[in-house]
Each structure stands twice: as C-alpha cells, then as structure tokens.
C-alpha cells in the first residue's frame, strides 16, 4: 500500500498499518509519534517537519496535503514554550 493510499484511509476514518505510517482511523502515526488527528470532523496535522527524522518529516508533509488544518505540535515540540 502506498503512503497516499494510507492517507486516504485515514481521511475516510479507516484503520490501516504500514511499516512506518499507520492509523487507527482517528490518529495518524509516523512510527509511534502521533502526527495527525481527527478532531470534530476535521483532519489536523501537527507540523513536526524539520524537527524529527527525514521519514517522519516526509509523512508530515504528505499529510498536510489532505489536512483541513495544520497546527504547532503539542508539548515539548511547541515553539511557544
């Protein structure tokens, strides 16, 4: 399954698991890091790009294409701290 197909399944609210990108239908994970979440019917992606591995940065950038909203990552990753 391609990364694009996995993102489509996340958008549809369906579970799927790949080697490094997976979803339970609500949360999108790159490895174990939650990089996106369905909130009140919208797809929200956390912009970890450049703060994590190259693979996770690629996942984040691809997920931004299907997201309704892009936000600062929560917690220790936030620039606001």
Protein backbone atom coordinates (compact mmCIF):
# COMPACT_ATOMS: atom_id res chain seq x y z
CA UNK A 1 0.00 0.00 0.00
CA UNK A 2 1.33 3.44 -0.89
CA UNK A 3 1.61 6.35 1.53
CA UNK A 4 -1.12 8.16 -0.42
CA UNK A 5 -3.46 5.19 -0.02
CA UNK A 6 -2.78 5.15 3.71
CA UNK A 7 -3.58 8.86 3.97
CA UNK A 8 -6.81 8.28 2.05
CA UNK A 9 -7.79 5.61 4.57
CA UNK A 10 -7.07 8.00 7.45
CA UNK A 11 -9.23 10.60 5.72
CA UNK A 12 -12.02 8.00 5.45
CA UNK A 13 -11.64 7.03 9.12
CA UNK A 14 -10.39 3.53 8.32
CA UNK A 15 -7.64 1.63 10.14
CA UNK A 16 -4.52 0.65 8.26
CA UNK A 17 -0.95 -0.25 9.12
CA UNK A 18 2.22 0.11 7.11
CA UNK A 19 5.83 -0.23 8.10
CA UNK A 20 6.25 3.30 9.46
CA UNK A 21 2.98 5.13 8.76
CA UNK A 22 -0.27 3.85 10.28
CA UNK A 23 -3.64 4.93 11.60
CA UNK A 24 -6.31 3.65 13.95
CA UNK A 25 -8.82 5.63 11.89
CA UNK A 26 -8.64 8.66 14.19
CA UNK A 27 -4.96 9.32 14.86
CA UNK A 28 -2.23 9.21 12.22
CA UNK A 29 1.14 7.94 13.41
CA UNK A 30 4.64 8.06 11.98
CA UNK A 31 6.32 5.23 13.83
CA UNK A 32 4.97 5.90 17.37
CA UNK A 33 4.64 9.68 17.04
CA UNK A 34 1.08 10.97 16.53
CA UNK A 35 1.38 13.41 13.63
CA UNK A 36 -2.30 13.95 12.93
CA UNK A 37 -5.71 13.56 14.47
CA UNK A 38 -9.36 13.78 13.55
CA UNK A 39 -10.96 16.50 15.72
CA UNK A 40 -14.61 17.49 15.37
CA UNK A 41 -14.71 16.06 11.86
CA UNK A 42 -11.58 17.86 10.67
CA UNK A 43 -8.16 16.39 9.93
CA UNK A 44 -5.50 18.20 11.93
CA UNK A 45 -1.78 17.65 11.23
CA UNK A 46 0.95 18.65 13.67
CA UNK A 47 3.84 20.33 11.88
CA UNK A 48 6.85 18.38 13.09
CA UNK A 49 8.60 18.92 9.75
CA UNK A 50 12.31 19.56 10.27
CA UNK A 51 12.14 18.64 13.97
CA UNK A 52 12.16 14.88 13.51
CA UNK A 53 13.64 12.25 11.20
CA UNK A 54 13.57 12.65 7.45
CA UNK A 55 10.98 9.89 7.12
CA UNK A 56 8.61 11.45 9.65
CA UNK A 57 9.12 14.88 8.07
CA UNK A 58 8.08 13.33 4.73
CA UNK A 59 4.98 11.78 6.35
CA UNK A 60 4.04 15.15 7.88
CA UNK A 61 4.47 16.97 4.58
CA UNK A 62 2.33 14.41 2.74
CA UNK A 63 -0.34 14.53 5.46
CA UNK A 64 -0.52 18.33 5.15
CA UNK A 65 -1.93 17.81 1.63
CA UNK A 66 -5.05 16.06 2.99
CA UNK A 67 -5.37 18.06 6.23
CA UNK A 68 -8.02 20.63 6.96
CA UNK A 69 -5.73 22.37 9.44
CA UNK A 70 -2.01 22.41 10.31
CA UNK A 71 -1.01 23.23 13.88
CA UNK A 72 2.09 23.58 16.00
CA UNK A 73 2.95 20.27 17.62
CA UNK A 74 1.92 19.90 21.26
CA UNK A 75 4.16 19.76 24.31
CA UNK A 76 7.93 19.84 24.13
CA UNK A 77 7.82 20.37 20.35
CA UNK A 78 5.95 23.66 20.55
CA UNK A 79 7.81 26.86 19.61
CA UNK A 80 5.64 28.74 22.13
CA UNK A 81 7.49 27.35 25.16
